[in-house]
Amino acid sequence: MAFDFDEAGDFGSERDAREWAERNNIDLADLHIRNRGDRGVTLSVRRSALGDTARSDLTYGRRTGFFS
């Protein structure tokens, strides 16, 4: 079964992306992290894990994304 993912944003490191997900109560199993080399990582979150509300959190290394 394939899942749909929504891009959550760019982070300086995988650790920053995982910490952001934990702060926003997103299970780490619902993440897809793509390494962008020296530019950090891009985080995508399984759409079904997002629910009806989106949080605004551009702190802790997050650079861009739909939660802003």
Protein backbone atom coordinates (compact mmCIF):
# COMPACT_ATOMS: atom_id res chain seq x y z
CA MET A 1 0.00 0.00 0.00
CA ALA A 2 1.39 3.38 -0.97
CA PHE A 3 0.99 6.44 1.21
CA ASP A 4 0.74 10.08 0.23
CA PHE A 5 3.25 12.42 1.80
CA ASP A 6 3.18 16.21 2.11
CA GLU A 7 6.42 18.14 2.25
CA ALA A 8 6.82 19.69 5.69
CA GLY A 9 9.93 21.72 4.96
CA ASP A 10 13.71 21.92 4.85
CA PHE A 11 15.91 21.43 7.90
CA GLY A 12 19.59 21.83 8.58
CA SER A 13 19.95 18.20 9.63
CA GLU A 14 18.04 14.96 10.07
CA ARG A 15 18.21 15.45 13.83
CA ASP A 16 16.49 18.85 13.51
CA ALA A 17 13.74 17.30 11.37
CA ARG A 18 13.14 14.45 13.84
CA GLU A 19 13.07 16.83 16.82
CA TRP A 20 10.53 19.03 15.02
CA ALA A 21 8.34 15.98 14.35
CA GLU A 22 8.52 14.90 17.99
CA ARG A 23 7.54 18.40 19.21
CA ASN A 24 4.54 18.32 16.86
CA ASN A 25 3.45 14.84 18.03
CA ILE A 26 4.16 13.20 14.67
CA ASP A 27 5.23 9.57 14.88
CA LEU A 28 8.68 8.99 13.43
CA ALA A 29 7.22 6.12 11.37
CA ASP A 30 5.18 8.74 9.46
CA LEU A 31 8.27 10.61 8.23
CA HIS A 32 10.16 10.52 4.97
CA ILE A 33 13.51 12.33 5.15
CA ARG A 34 15.43 13.10 1.96
CA ASN A 35 19.09 14.09 2.23
CA ARG A 36 19.98 17.19 0.18
CA GLY A 37 23.74 16.99 0.71
CA ASP A 38 25.27 20.18 2.09
CA ARG A 39 21.85 21.85 1.97
CA GLY A 40 20.42 19.73 4.79
CA VAL A 41 17.33 17.53 4.49
CA THR A 42 13.76 17.78 3.24
CA LEU A 43 11.10 16.34 5.52
CA SER A 44 7.83 14.90 4.26
CA VAL A 45 5.04 13.66 6.54
CA ARG A 46 2.47 10.99 5.77
CA ARG A 47 -0.72 12.89 4.96
CA SER A 48 -2.89 10.67 7.16
CA ALA A 49 -0.73 11.56 10.17
CA LEU A 50 -1.37 15.29 9.87
CA GLY A 51 -4.99 15.33 10.95
CA ASP A 52 -7.15 18.42 10.54
CA THR A 53 -4.90 20.95 12.24
CA ALA A 54 -1.53 22.30 11.24
CA ARG A 55 0.92 23.90 13.62
CA SER A 56 3.12 26.87 12.93
CA ASP A 57 6.64 26.12 14.07
CA LEU A 58 9.58 27.63 12.18
CA THR A 59 12.00 27.13 15.07
CA TYR A 60 14.71 24.61 15.85
CA GLY A 61 16.39 24.51 12.46
CA ARG A 62 13.32 24.48 10.24
CA ARG A 63 13.70 26.67 7.17
CA THR A 64 10.53 26.30 5.06
CA GLY A 65 7.31 24.31 4.82
CA PHE A 66 3.55 24.23 4.77
CA PHE A 67 3.13 24.48 8.56
CA SER A 68 4.15 28.14 8.49
